Amino acid sequence: MDLSMKTHENIEYMIEAIKSKLRMASGAAMTATAFHTDQYDDIRDVYDIVMSKERLSISEVEALAQELGRLRHKA
């Protein structure tokens, strides 16, 4: 997957990977269609943080979920 391309398909891939890694209970509410490609760089930042860590604390998961929620509401 070439994440250097700012496509909706890449956003969908990253959102699904983030939801899986964070084991988000409300993952169904976090769909890739709620995000625009204008937010690609912010989503990529969240993705990179999530994927770089082997484990995340509860506070980290909450902060990352809040950031995704903030980005989603802008959509």
Protein backbone atom coordinates (compact mmCIF):
# COMPACT_ATOMS: atom_id res chain seq x y z
CA MET A 1 0.00 0.00 0.00
CA ASP A 2 1.49 3.34 -1.10
CA LEU A 3 0.40 5.77 1.60
CA SER A 4 2.18 8.66 -0.08
CA MET A 5 -0.87 9.05 -2.35
CA LYS A 6 -3.67 11.14 -0.81
CA THR A 7 -6.57 8.95 -1.86
CA HIS A 8 -9.80 7.95 -0.20
CA GLU A 9 -8.73 4.31 -0.51
CA ASN A 10 -5.63 5.04 1.59
CA ILE A 11 -7.77 6.86 4.16
CA GLU A 12 -10.01 3.81 4.35
CA TYR A 13 -6.98 1.54 4.81
CA MET A 14 -5.52 3.73 7.57
CA ILE A 15 -8.83 4.12 9.44
CA GLU A 16 -9.40 0.37 9.39
CA ALA A 17 -5.84 -0.28 10.60
CA ILE A 18 -6.22 2.29 13.38
CA LYS A 19 -9.55 0.82 14.49
CA SER A 20 -8.07 -2.66 14.54
CA LYS A 21 -4.95 -1.65 16.48
CA LEU A 22 -6.91 0.43 18.99
CA ARG A 23 -9.58 -2.27 19.28
CA MET A 24 -12.17 0.47 19.19
CA ALA A 25 -15.50 -0.67 20.56
CA SER A 26 -17.21 2.10 18.63
CA GLY A 27 -15.30 1.27 15.47
CA ALA A 28 -18.49 0.87 13.47
CA ALA A 29 -19.20 4.56 14.01
CA MET A 30 -15.76 5.49 12.68
CA THR A 31 -16.11 4.94 8.94
CA ALA A 32 -13.65 6.12 6.34
CA THR A 33 -16.43 7.93 4.49
CA ALA A 34 -16.62 10.40 7.40
CA PHE A 35 -13.20 11.77 6.42
CA HIS A 36 -12.12 13.88 3.46
CA THR A 37 -8.84 13.75 1.62
CA ASP A 38 -8.23 17.32 2.87
CA GLN A 39 -7.56 15.70 6.26
CA TYR A 40 -5.17 13.12 4.85
CA ASP A 41 -2.04 14.46 6.54
CA ASP A 42 -3.72 14.56 9.97
CA ILE A 43 -5.05 11.02 9.53
CA ARG A 44 -1.62 9.86 8.39
CA ASP A 45 -0.08 11.39 11.53
CA VAL A 46 -2.51 9.44 13.74
CA TYR A 47 -1.88 6.29 11.71
CA ASP A 48 1.90 6.65 12.03
CA ILE A 49 1.66 7.13 15.81
CA VAL A 50 -0.63 4.13 16.25
CA MET A 51 1.44 1.83 14.05
CA SER A 52 4.75 2.85 15.61
CA LYS A 53 3.77 1.69 19.09
CA GLU A 54 3.60 -1.90 20.18
CA ARG A 55 1.20 -1.04 22.99
CA LEU A 56 -0.86 2.03 23.77
CA SER A 57 -1.98 3.18 27.19
CA ILE A 58 -5.63 3.83 27.87
CA SER A 59 -4.99 7.57 27.90
CA GLU A 60 -3.21 7.33 24.53
CA VAL A 61 -6.11 5.40 23.02
CA GLU A 62 -8.57 7.97 24.37
CA ALA A 63 -6.50 10.86 23.00
CA LEU A 64 -6.18 9.25 19.58
CA ALA A 65 -9.90 8.43 19.47
CA GLN A 66 -10.66 12.06 20.38
CA GLU A 67 -8.41 13.29 17.59
CA LEU A 68 -10.14 11.03 15.07
CA GLY A 69 -13.49 12.26 16.35
CA ARG A 70 -12.36 15.86 15.93
CA LEU A 71 -11.26 15.16 12.37
CA ARG A 72 -14.49 13.31 11.62
CA HIS A 73 -16.64 16.19 12.82
CA LYS A 74 -14.86 18.54 10.46
CA ALA A 75 -15.83 16.30 7.56
